[in-house]
Amino acid sequence: MCIIEHLFDYDDFRKFLQDYFEEQKKLRTIFSHRFFAAKAGFSSSSYCLNVIKGRFNLTAKSIEKLAKAMDFEPLQKQYFEALVEYNQAEQVEKRESAWEHILEIRKQIEFTHLTNREHAYFSRWYYPVIRECAASGDWNGDYIKLARSLDPVITVDEAREAVKDLVDWGLLKKIDDSHFEETSQMLDATGVAPIALRQIRREYIQHAIGAVESKPKTERFAAFTTLAMSESSYDYAVEVMEEARKKIIARVANDSNVERVYEAMFVMFPMSKKLTKEAK
């Protein structure tokens, strides 16, 4: 099956274009950015490469040219247009509208990228925390104790409903009235769309701010560093942080003496626009 037939699996149109070009180069030795630019009617042979690298955004006219050159069917073209709007939109409302359009198209082809379970699991900040506490804590079926074990605390009804939902979704397994265990050790959210994770990430960031301001240093870690660097150094920093994250996960997976539930964040983001140097 070719890449174009997998278009509806993509959440990032630049990644789709990159994969398409790589596939075409393997299939046809004549294929190149110059070849495709001539076929699509772009004046610059490097236009698509700059789009893939994120240097340029696509316009309505360029989308038309791409759709024609790639022989999109009508529904594929609609999906690609919605995907471009979703990735390029600067306003939250436009991104959400584009994502709703994406989901509508996916429903038409009987494809669902996100399950209802994943939507619900990430709809409340305390669901992932309750899952860990219910399986690791010695609360013996006392929902008051379970609710108060979270920081900040939640209501007893919220704790009870969360446990019930987690069992119904197959993320917790009930052993008896007092004991539960996780059906899998780790849950991976990499396949969940950013829109679905936006609210819970906001809430965790707010909790992080509160922890930095109120928790003693022995109970939390926070480091803030302002750095000036190149794109290659940024890529290196991301690689190091991702490697550190994987090592921590591997260590925690074998930790039999659970004492607390923590939320770990690795964040790096720009605080300036791209700097230009005066040519010598």
C-alpha atoms as a PDB file:
ATOM      1  CA  MET A   1       0.000   0.000   0.000  1.00  0.00           C
ATOM      2  CA  CYS A   2       1.459   3.389  -1.021  1.00  0.00           C
ATOM      3  CA  ILE A   3       1.900   6.391   1.259  1.00  0.00           C
ATOM      4  CA  ILE A   4      -1.025   8.282  -0.275  1.00  0.00           C
ATOM      5  CA  GLU A   5      -3.372   5.496   0.801  1.00  0.00           C
ATOM      6  CA  HIS A   6      -2.095   6.039   4.361  1.00  0.00           C
ATOM      7  CA  LEU A   7      -2.831   9.781   4.236  1.00  0.00           C
ATOM      8  CA  PHE A   8      -5.744   9.470   6.684  1.00  0.00           C
ATOM      9  CA  ASP A   9      -3.357   8.057   9.316  1.00  0.00           C
ATOM     10  CA  TYR A  10      -1.323  11.287   9.428  1.00  0.00           C
ATOM     11  CA  ASP A  11      -1.667  14.158  11.903  1.00  0.00           C
ATOM     12  CA  ASP A  12       1.188  16.173  10.311  1.00  0.00           C
ATOM     13  CA  PHE A  13       1.090  17.107   6.615  1.00  0.00           C
ATOM     14  CA  ARG A  14       4.835  17.885   6.553  1.00  0.00           C
ATOM     15  CA  LYS A  15       5.630  14.382   7.766  1.00  0.00           C
ATOM     16  CA  PHE A  16       3.294  12.999   5.102  1.00  0.00           C
ATOM     17  CA  LEU A  17       5.065  14.979   2.363  1.00  0.00           C
ATOM     18  CA  GLN A  18       8.462  13.847   3.627  1.00  0.00           C
ATOM     19  CA  ASP A  19       7.380  10.190   3.568  1.00  0.00           C
ATOM     20  CA  TYR A  20       5.820  10.642   0.125  1.00  0.00           C
ATOM     21  CA  PHE A  21       9.029  12.063  -1.358  1.00  0.00           C
ATOM     22  CA  GLU A  22      11.152   9.327   0.212  1.00  0.00           C
ATOM     23  CA  GLU A  23       8.826   6.649  -1.166  1.00  0.00           C
ATOM     24  CA  GLN A  24       8.776   8.145  -4.665  1.00  0.00           C
ATOM     25  CA  LYS A  25      12.577   8.369  -4.783  1.00  0.00           C
ATOM     26  CA  LYS A  26      12.753   4.633  -4.048  1.00  0.00           C
ATOM     27  CA  LEU A  27      10.132   3.804  -6.670  1.00  0.00           C
ATOM     28  CA  ARG A  28      11.429   6.023  -9.475  1.00  0.00           C
ATOM     29  CA  THR A  29      15.062   6.983 -10.008  1.00  0.00           C
ATOM     30  CA  ILE A  30      13.949  10.011 -12.037  1.00  0.00           C
ATOM     31  CA  PHE A  31      11.974  11.423  -9.111  1.00  0.00           C
ATOM     32  CA  SER A  32      13.428  14.447  -7.292  1.00  0.00           C
ATOM     33  CA  HIS A  33      12.292  17.736  -5.776  1.00  0.00           C
ATOM     34  CA  ARG A  34      13.063  19.395  -9.124  1.00  0.00           C
ATOM     35  CA  PHE A  35      11.044  16.766 -10.999  1.00  0.00           C
ATOM     36  CA  PHE A  36       8.033  17.169  -8.694  1.00  0.00           C
ATOM     37  CA  ALA A  37       8.233  20.971  -8.719  1.00  0.00           C
ATOM     38  CA  ALA A  38       8.076  20.937 -12.529  1.00  0.00           C
ATOM     39  CA  LYS A  39       5.129  18.522 -12.470  1.00  0.00           C
ATOM     40  CA  ALA A  40       3.218  20.606  -9.887  1.00  0.00           C
ATOM     41  CA  GLY A  41       4.049  23.939 -11.525  1.00  0.00           C
ATOM     42  CA  PHE A  42       6.200  25.454  -8.759  1.00  0.00           C
ATOM     43  CA  SER A  43       8.774  27.993  -9.921  1.00  0.00           C
ATOM     44  CA  SER A  44      11.281  26.957  -7.236  1.00  0.00           C
ATOM     45  CA  SER A  45      12.663  23.417  -7.212  1.00  0.00           C
ATOM     46  CA  SER A  46      13.265  23.662  -3.450  1.00  0.00           C
ATOM     47  CA  TYR A  47       9.766  24.885  -2.546  1.00  0.00           C
ATOM     48  CA  CYS A  48       8.473  21.537  -1.280  1.00  0.00           C
ATOM     49  CA  LEU A  49      11.695  20.878   0.628  1.00  0.00           C
ATOM     50  CA  ASN A  50      11.294  24.217   2.412  1.00  0.00           C
ATOM     51  CA  VAL A  51       7.691  23.318   3.242  1.00  0.00           C
ATOM     52  CA  ILE A  52       8.750  19.947   4.662  1.00  0.00           C
ATOM     53  CA  LYS A  53      11.460  21.637   6.760  1.00  0.00           C
ATOM     54  CA  GLY A  54       8.889  24.103   8.115  1.00  0.00           C
ATOM     55  CA  ARG A  55      10.464  27.151   6.489  1.00  0.00           C
ATOM     56  CA  PHE A  56       7.400  27.838   4.306  1.00  0.00           C
ATOM     57  CA  ASN A  57       3.689  27.369   4.888  1.00  0.00           C
ATOM     58  CA  LEU A  58       1.350  26.080   2.215  1.00  0.00           C
ATOM     59  CA  THR A  59      -1.107  28.464   0.565  1.00  0.00           C
ATOM     60  CA  ALA A  60      -4.469  27.609  -0.987  1.00  0.00           C
ATOM     61  CA  LYS A  61      -2.902  27.782  -4.465  1.00  0.00           C
ATOM     62  CA  SER A  62       0.021  25.545  -3.529  1.00  0.00           C
ATOM     63  CA  ILE A  63      -2.378  23.006  -2.012  1.00  0.00           C
ATOM     64  CA  GLU A  64      -4.250  22.904  -5.323  1.00  0.00           C
ATOM     65  CA  LYS A  65      -1.000  22.261  -7.185  1.00  0.00           C
ATOM     66  CA  LEU A  66       0.094  19.551  -4.770  1.00  0.00           C
ATOM     67  CA  ALA A  67      -3.295  17.820  -4.866  1.00  0.00           C
ATOM     68  CA  LYS A  68      -3.242  17.732  -8.660  1.00  0.00           C
ATOM     69  CA  ALA A  69       0.381  16.532  -8.889  1.00  0.00           C
ATOM     70  CA  MET A  70      -0.232  13.789  -6.307  1.00  0.00           C
ATOM     71  CA  ASP A  71      -3.517  12.701  -7.949  1.00  0.00           C
ATOM     72  CA  PHE A  72      -5.571  13.120  -4.796  1.00  0.00           C
ATOM     73  CA  GLU A  73      -9.131  11.891  -4.800  1.00  0.00           C
ATOM     74  CA  PRO A  74     -11.727  14.471  -3.607  1.00  0.00           C
ATOM     75  CA  LEU A  75     -11.867  13.151  -0.027  1.00  0.00           C
ATOM     76  CA  GLN A  76      -8.070  12.938   0.152  1.00  0.00           C
ATOM     77  CA  LYS A  77      -7.846  16.547  -0.959  1.00  0.00           C
ATOM     78  CA  GLN A  78     -10.362  17.618   1.706  1.00  0.00           C
ATOM     79  CA  TYR A  79      -8.410  15.762   4.356  1.00  0.00           C
ATOM     80  CA  PHE A  80      -5.098  17.256   3.240  1.00  0.00           C
ATOM     81  CA  GLU A  81      -6.588  20.773   3.303  1.00  0.00           C
ATOM     82  CA  ALA A  82      -7.925  20.211   6.826  1.00  0.00           C
ATOM     83  CA  LEU A  83      -4.576  18.774   7.901  1.00  0.00           C
ATOM     84  CA  VAL A  84      -2.722  21.842   6.580  1.00  0.00           C
ATOM     85  CA  GLU A  85      -5.103  24.168   8.405  1.00  0.00           C
ATOM     86  CA  TYR A  86      -4.736  22.135  11.607  1.00  0.00           C
ATOM     87  CA  ASN A  87      -0.925  22.249  11.479  1.00  0.00           C
ATOM     88  CA  GLN A  88      -0.592  25.876  10.362  1.00  0.00           C
ATOM     89  CA  ALA A  89      -3.368  27.549  12.382  1.00  0.00           C
ATOM     90  CA  GLU A  90      -2.085  29.962  15.019  1.00  0.00           C
ATOM     91  CA  GLN A  91      -5.422  30.399  16.797  1.00  0.00           C
ATOM     92  CA  VAL A  92      -6.711  27.625  19.045  1.00  0.00           C
ATOM     93  CA  GLU A  93     -10.256  27.946  17.697  1.00  0.00           C
ATOM     94  CA  LYS A  94      -9.102  27.372  14.117  1.00  0.00           C
ATOM     95  CA  ARG A  95      -7.014  24.369  15.136  1.00  0.00           C
ATOM     96  CA  GLU A  96      -9.948  22.804  16.961  1.00  0.00           C
ATOM     97  CA  SER A  97     -12.269  23.454  14.008  1.00  0.00           C
ATOM     98  CA  ALA A  98      -9.777  21.847  11.630  1.00  0.00           C
ATOM     99  CA  TRP A  99      -9.390  18.851  13.926  1.00  0.00           C
ATOM    100  CA  GLU A 100     -13.157  18.368  14.042  1.00  0.00           C
ATOM    101  CA  HIS A 101     -13.166  18.383  10.237  1.00  0.00           C
ATOM    102  CA  ILE A 102     -10.392  15.773  10.248  1.00  0.00           C
ATOM    103  CA  LEU A 103     -12.411  13.523  12.540  1.00  0.00           C
ATOM    104  CA  GLU A 104     -15.512  13.924  10.366  1.00  0.00           C
ATOM    105  CA  ILE A 105     -13.586  12.783   7.297  1.00  0.00           C
ATOM    106  CA  ARG A 106     -12.091   9.853   9.169  1.00  0.00           C
ATOM    107  CA  LYS A 107     -15.567   8.751  10.207  1.00  0.00           C
ATOM    108  CA  GLN A 108     -16.592   8.747   6.556  1.00  0.00           C
ATOM    109  CA  ILE A 109     -13.922   6.168   5.789  1.00  0.00           C
ATOM    110  CA  GLU A 110     -14.648   4.206   8.978  1.00  0.00           C
ATOM    111  CA  PHE A 111     -11.321   5.137  10.527  1.00  0.00           C
ATOM    112  CA  THR A 112     -10.985   6.346  14.100  1.00  0.00           C
ATOM    113  CA  HIS A 113      -7.576   7.551  15.194  1.00  0.00           C
ATOM    114  CA  LEU A 114      -8.573   7.976  18.845  1.00  0.00           C
ATOM    115  CA  THR A 115     -10.697   5.606  20.868  1.00  0.00           C
ATOM    116  CA  ASN A 116     -13.357   6.837  23.278  1.00  0.00           C
ATOM    117  CA  ARG A 117     -11.302   5.288  26.077  1.00  0.00           C
ATOM    118  CA  GLU A 118      -8.272   7.448  25.240  1.00  0.00           C
ATOM    119  CA  HIS A 119     -10.394  10.603  24.988  1.00  0.00           C
ATOM    120  CA  ALA A 120     -11.915   9.957  28.406  1.00  0.00           C
ATOM    121  CA  TYR A 121      -8.704   8.801  30.099  1.00  0.00           C
ATOM    122  CA  PHE A 122      -6.964  12.075  29.275  1.00  0.00           C
ATOM    123  CA  SER A 123      -9.993  14.239  30.049  1.00  0.00           C
ATOM    124  CA  ARG A 124      -9.202  14.455  33.802  1.00  0.00           C
ATOM    125  CA  TRP A 125      -5.777  15.037  35.314  1.00  0.00           C
ATOM    126  CA  TYR A 126      -6.457  12.597  38.138  1.00  0.00           C
ATOM    127  CA  TYR A 127      -7.312   9.535  36.016  1.00  0.00           C
ATOM    128  CA  PRO A 128      -3.646   8.596  35.375  1.00  0.00           C
ATOM    129  CA  VAL A 129      -2.806   9.363  39.017  1.00  0.00           C
ATOM    130  CA  ILE A 130      -5.703   7.303  40.384  1.00  0.00           C
ATOM    131  CA  ARG A 131      -4.626   4.404  38.171  1.00  0.00           C
ATOM    132  CA  GLU A 132      -1.195   4.355  39.816  1.00  0.00           C
ATOM    133  CA  CYS A 133      -2.471   4.960  43.356  1.00  0.00           C
ATOM    134  CA  ALA A 134      -5.202   2.340  43.131  1.00  0.00           C
ATOM    135  CA  ALA A 135      -2.721  -0.312  42.034  1.00  0.00           C
ATOM    136  CA  SER A 136       0.212   0.690  44.254  1.00  0.00           C
ATOM    137  CA  GLY A 137      -1.322   2.201  47.388  1.00  0.00           C
ATOM    138  CA  ASP A 138      -2.518   0.393  50.509  1.00  0.00           C
ATOM    139  CA  TRP A 139      -6.003   1.923  50.616  1.00  0.00           C
ATOM    140  CA  ASN A 140      -7.962  -1.322  51.120  1.00  0.00           C
ATOM    141  CA  GLY A 141     -11.097  -0.207  49.283  1.00  0.00           C
ATOM    142  CA  ASP A 142     -11.431   2.977  51.365  1.00  0.00           C
ATOM    143  CA  TYR A 143     -12.333   5.619  48.770  1.00  0.00           C
ATOM    144  CA  ILE A 144     -11.963   8.427  51.307  1.00  0.00           C
ATOM    145  CA  LYS A 145      -8.348   7.371  51.837  1.00  0.00           C
ATOM    146  CA  LEU A 146      -7.790   7.015  48.093  1.00  0.00           C
ATOM    147  CA  ALA A 147      -9.228  10.463  47.341  1.00  0.00           C
ATOM    148  CA  ARG A 148      -7.096  12.083  50.050  1.00  0.00           C
ATOM    149  CA  SER A 149      -3.942  10.346  48.825  1.00  0.00           C
ATOM    150  CA  LEU A 150      -3.866  12.620  45.778  1.00  0.00           C
ATOM    151  CA  ASP A 151      -2.212  16.022  45.899  1.00  0.00           C
ATOM    152  CA  PRO A 152      -4.317  18.080  45.432  1.00  0.00           C
ATOM    153  CA  VAL A 153      -7.083  15.936  46.882  1.00  0.00           C
ATOM    154  CA  ILE A 154     -10.191  15.035  44.894  1.00  0.00           C
ATOM    155  CA  THR A 155     -13.693  14.164  46.097  1.00  0.00           C
ATOM    156  CA  VAL A 156     -14.697  10.671  47.152  1.00  0.00           C
ATOM    157  CA  ASP A 157     -17.213  10.506  44.303  1.00  0.00           C
ATOM    158  CA  GLU A 158     -14.506  11.450  41.795  1.00  0.00           C
ATOM    159  CA  ALA A 159     -12.219   8.727  43.151  1.00  0.00           C
ATOM    160  CA  ARG A 160     -14.965   6.104  43.065  1.00  0.00           C
ATOM    161  CA  GLU A 161     -16.051   7.035  39.538  1.00  0.00           C
ATOM    162  CA  ALA A 162     -12.430   7.088  38.317  1.00  0.00           C
ATOM    163  CA  VAL A 163     -11.760   3.558  39.581  1.00  0.00           C
ATOM    164  CA  LYS A 164     -14.999   2.298  38.021  1.00  0.00           C
ATOM    165  CA  ASP A 165     -14.149   3.919  34.677  1.00  0.00           C
ATOM    166  CA  LEU A 166     -10.588   2.567  34.693  1.00  0.00           C
ATOM    167  CA  VAL A 167     -11.908  -0.945  35.313  1.00  0.00           C
ATOM    168  CA  ASP A 168     -14.541  -0.560  32.575  1.00  0.00           C
ATOM    169  CA  TRP A 169     -11.857   0.650  30.125  1.00  0.00           C
ATOM    170  CA  GLY A 170      -9.621  -2.296  30.934  1.00  0.00           C
ATOM    171  CA  LEU A 171      -6.863  -0.134  32.446  1.00  0.00           C
ATOM    172  CA  LEU A 172      -7.358  -1.547  35.953  1.00  0.00           C
ATOM    173  CA  LYS A 173      -8.240  -5.078  36.984  1.00  0.00           C
ATOM    174  CA  LYS A 174     -10.234  -5.742  40.134  1.00  0.00           C
ATOM    175  CA  ILE A 175      -8.727  -8.517  42.278  1.00  0.00           C
ATOM    176  CA  ASP A 176     -11.228  -8.180  45.138  1.00  0.00           C
ATOM    177  CA  ASP A 177     -13.132  -5.371  46.849  1.00  0.00           C
ATOM    178  CA  SER A 178      -9.917  -3.968  48.307  1.00  0.00           C
ATOM    179  CA  HIS A 179      -7.240  -4.630  45.684  1.00  0.00           C
ATOM    180  CA  PHE A 180      -6.664  -3.666  42.067  1.00  0.00           C
ATOM    181  CA  GLU A 181      -3.806  -4.150  39.638  1.00  0.00           C
ATOM    182  CA  GLU A 182      -2.787  -2.498  36.375  1.00  0.00           C
ATOM    183  CA  THR A 183      -3.468  -4.425  33.193  1.00  0.00           C
ATOM    184  CA  SER A 184      -0.293  -2.959  31.668  1.00  0.00           C
ATOM    185  CA  GLN A 185       2.681  -1.372  33.366  1.00  0.00           C
ATOM    186  CA  MET A 186       3.021   1.672  31.094  1.00  0.00           C
ATOM    187  CA  LEU A 187       0.621   3.613  28.886  1.00  0.00           C
ATOM    188  CA  ASP A 188       1.952   5.449  25.838  1.00  0.00           C
ATOM    189  CA  ALA A 189       0.246   8.644  24.640  1.00  0.00           C
ATOM    190  CA  THR A 190       2.400   9.186  21.548  1.00  0.00           C
ATOM    191  CA  GLY A 191      -0.452   8.087  19.284  1.00  0.00           C
ATOM    192  CA  VAL A 192      -2.945  10.495  20.845  1.00  0.00           C
ATOM    193  CA  ALA A 193      -3.558  13.755  18.998  1.00  0.00           C
ATOM    194  CA  PRO A 194      -2.322  16.979  20.672  1.00  0.00           C
ATOM    195  CA  ILE A 195      -5.863  18.353  20.863  1.00  0.00           C
ATOM    196  CA  ALA A 196      -6.913  15.458  23.097  1.00  0.00           C
ATOM    197  CA  LEU A 197      -3.978  16.042  25.441  1.00  0.00           C
ATOM    198  CA  ARG A 198      -4.095  19.835  25.565  1.00  0.00           C
ATOM    199  CA  GLN A 199      -6.310  20.241  28.653  1.00  0.00           C
ATOM    200  CA  ILE A 200      -4.560  17.637  30.801  1.00  0.00           C
ATOM    201  CA  ARG A 201      -1.151  19.095  29.891  1.00  0.00           C
ATOM    202  CA  ARG A 202      -2.345  22.537  30.944  1.00  0.00           C
ATOM    203  CA  GLU A 203      -3.521  21.154  34.269  1.00  0.00           C
ATOM    204  CA  TYR A 204      -0.231  19.339  34.891  1.00  0.00           C
ATOM    205  CA  ILE A 205       1.705  22.510  34.092  1.00  0.00           C
ATOM    206  CA  GLN A 206      -0.436  24.405  36.611  1.00  0.00           C
ATOM    207  CA  HIS A 207       0.261  21.699  39.204  1.00  0.00           C
ATOM    208  CA  ALA A 208       3.973  22.009  38.391  1.00  0.00           C
ATOM    209  CA  ILE A 209       3.903  25.760  39.061  1.00  0.00           C
ATOM    210  CA  GLY A 210       2.192  25.152  42.383  1.00  0.00           C
ATOM    211  CA  ALA A 211       4.713  22.463  43.337  1.00  0.00           C
ATOM    212  CA  VAL A 212       7.705  24.682  42.524  1.00  0.00           C
ATOM    213  CA  GLU A 213       6.250  27.453  44.685  1.00  0.00           C
ATOM    214  CA  SER A 214       5.072  25.365  47.650  1.00  0.00           C
ATOM    215  CA  LYS A 215       6.955  22.052  47.855  1.00  0.00           C
ATOM    216  CA  PRO A 216      10.371  21.814  49.549  1.00  0.00           C
ATOM    217  CA  LYS A 217      13.313  21.162  47.223  1.00  0.00           C
ATOM    218  CA  THR A 218      13.712  17.674  48.655  1.00  0.00           C
ATOM    219  CA  GLU A 219      10.309  16.724  47.222  1.00  0.00           C
ATOM    220  CA  ARG A 220      10.451  18.268  43.752  1.00  0.00           C
ATOM    221  CA  PHE A 221      12.996  19.075  41.065  1.00  0.00           C
ATOM    222  CA  ALA A 222      12.983  22.165  38.860  1.00  0.00           C
ATOM    223  CA  ALA A 223      15.800  23.627  36.764  1.00  0.00           C
ATOM    224  CA  PHE A 224      15.529  26.668  34.514  1.00  0.00           C
ATOM    225  CA  THR A 225      18.262  27.618  32.049  1.00  0.00           C
ATOM    226  CA  THR A 226      18.241  30.192  29.250  1.00  0.00           C
ATOM    227  CA  LEU A 227      20.409  29.063  26.346  1.00  0.00           C
ATOM    228  CA  ALA A 228      21.416  30.510  22.989  1.00  0.00           C
ATOM    229  CA  MET A 229      22.010  27.688  20.528  1.00  0.00           C
ATOM    230  CA  SER A 230      21.879  26.461  16.966  1.00  0.00           C
ATOM    231  CA  GLU A 231      19.228  24.147  15.566  1.00  0.00           C
ATOM    232  CA  SER A 232      21.711  21.271  15.691  1.00  0.00           C
ATOM    233  CA  SER A 233      22.359  21.928  19.393  1.00  0.00           C
ATOM    234  CA  TYR A 234      18.615  22.031  19.995  1.00  0.00           C
ATOM    235  CA  ASP A 235      18.226  18.668  18.254  1.00  0.00           C
ATOM    236  CA  TYR A 236      21.033  17.305  20.452  1.00  0.00           C
ATOM    237  CA  ALA A 237      19.349  18.626  23.616  1.00  0.00           C
ATOM    238  CA  VAL A 238      16.051  16.992  22.642  1.00  0.00           C
ATOM    239  CA  GLU A 239      17.881  13.726  21.957  1.00  0.00           C
ATOM    240  CA  VAL A 240      19.550  13.837  25.387  1.00  0.00           C
ATOM    241  CA  MET A 241      16.273  14.587  27.174  1.00  0.00           C
ATOM    242  CA  GLU A 242      14.459  11.820  25.327  1.00  0.00           C
ATOM    243  CA  GLU A 243      17.222   9.365  26.215  1.00  0.00           C
ATOM    244  CA  ALA A 244      17.040  10.459  29.858  1.00  0.00           C
ATOM    245  CA  ARG A 245      13.265  10.016  29.831  1.00  0.00           C
ATOM    246  CA  LYS A 246      13.602   6.466  28.489  1.00  0.00           C
ATOM    247  CA  LYS A 247      16.206   5.600  31.140  1.00  0.00           C
ATOM    248  CA  ILE A 248      13.953   6.896  33.924  1.00  0.00           C
ATOM    249  CA  ILE A 249      11.007   4.901  32.580  1.00  0.00           C
ATOM    250  CA  ALA A 250      13.163   1.756  32.447  1.00  0.00           C
ATOM    251  CA  ARG A 251      14.292   2.298  36.051  1.00  0.00           C
ATOM    252  CA  VAL A 252      10.775   2.996  37.319  1.00  0.00           C
ATOM    253  CA  ALA A 253       9.371  -0.047  35.532  1.00  0.00           C
ATOM    254  CA  ASN A 254      11.448  -2.255  37.847  1.00  0.00           C
ATOM    255  CA  ASP A 255      10.719  -0.266  41.013  1.00  0.00           C
ATOM    256  CA  SER A 256       8.878  -2.554  43.424  1.00  0.00           C
ATOM    257  CA  ASN A 257       8.869  -0.062  46.310  1.00  0.00           C
ATOM    258  CA  VAL A 258       6.427   2.603  45.109  1.00  0.00           C
ATOM    259  CA  GLU A 259       6.073   5.442  47.603  1.00  0.00           C
ATOM    260  CA  ARG A 260       4.564   8.290  45.575  1.00  0.00           C
ATOM    261  CA  VAL A 261       3.148   9.135  42.147  1.00  0.00           C
ATOM    262  CA  TYR A 262       5.137  11.802  40.281  1.00  0.00           C
ATOM    263  CA  GLU A 263       4.551  13.723  37.077  1.00  0.00           C
ATOM    264  CA  ALA A 264       7.761  14.205  35.066  1.00  0.00           C
ATOM    265  CA  MET A 265       8.068  16.947  32.431  1.00  0.00           C
ATOM    266  CA  PHE A 266      10.869  17.612  29.975  1.00  0.00           C
ATOM    267  CA  VAL A 267      10.275  20.962  28.293  1.00  0.00           C
ATOM    268  CA  MET A 268      12.317  23.123  25.947  1.00  0.00           C
ATOM    269  CA  PHE A 269      10.755  25.959  23.970  1.00  0.00           C
ATOM    270  CA  PRO A 270      11.849  29.137  22.121  1.00  0.00           C
ATOM    271  CA  MET A 271      11.840  32.482  23.923  1.00  0.00           C
ATOM    272  CA  SER A 272      12.873  34.494  20.873  1.00  0.00           C
ATOM    273  CA  LYS A 273      12.322  34.576  17.149  1.00  0.00           C
ATOM    274  CA  LYS A 274      15.053  33.227  14.877  1.00  0.00           C
ATOM    275  CA  LEU A 275      18.103  35.477  15.181  1.00  0.00           C
ATOM    276  CA  THR A 276      19.902  36.660  12.061  1.00  0.00           C
ATOM    277  CA  LYS A 277      23.521  37.729  11.853  1.00  0.00           C
ATOM    278  CA  GLU A 278      24.783  40.565   9.731  1.00  0.00           C
ATOM    279  CA  ALA A 279      26.757  39.242   6.767  1.00  0.00           C
ATOM    280  CA  LYS A 280      30.465  40.090   6.845  1.00  0.00           C
END
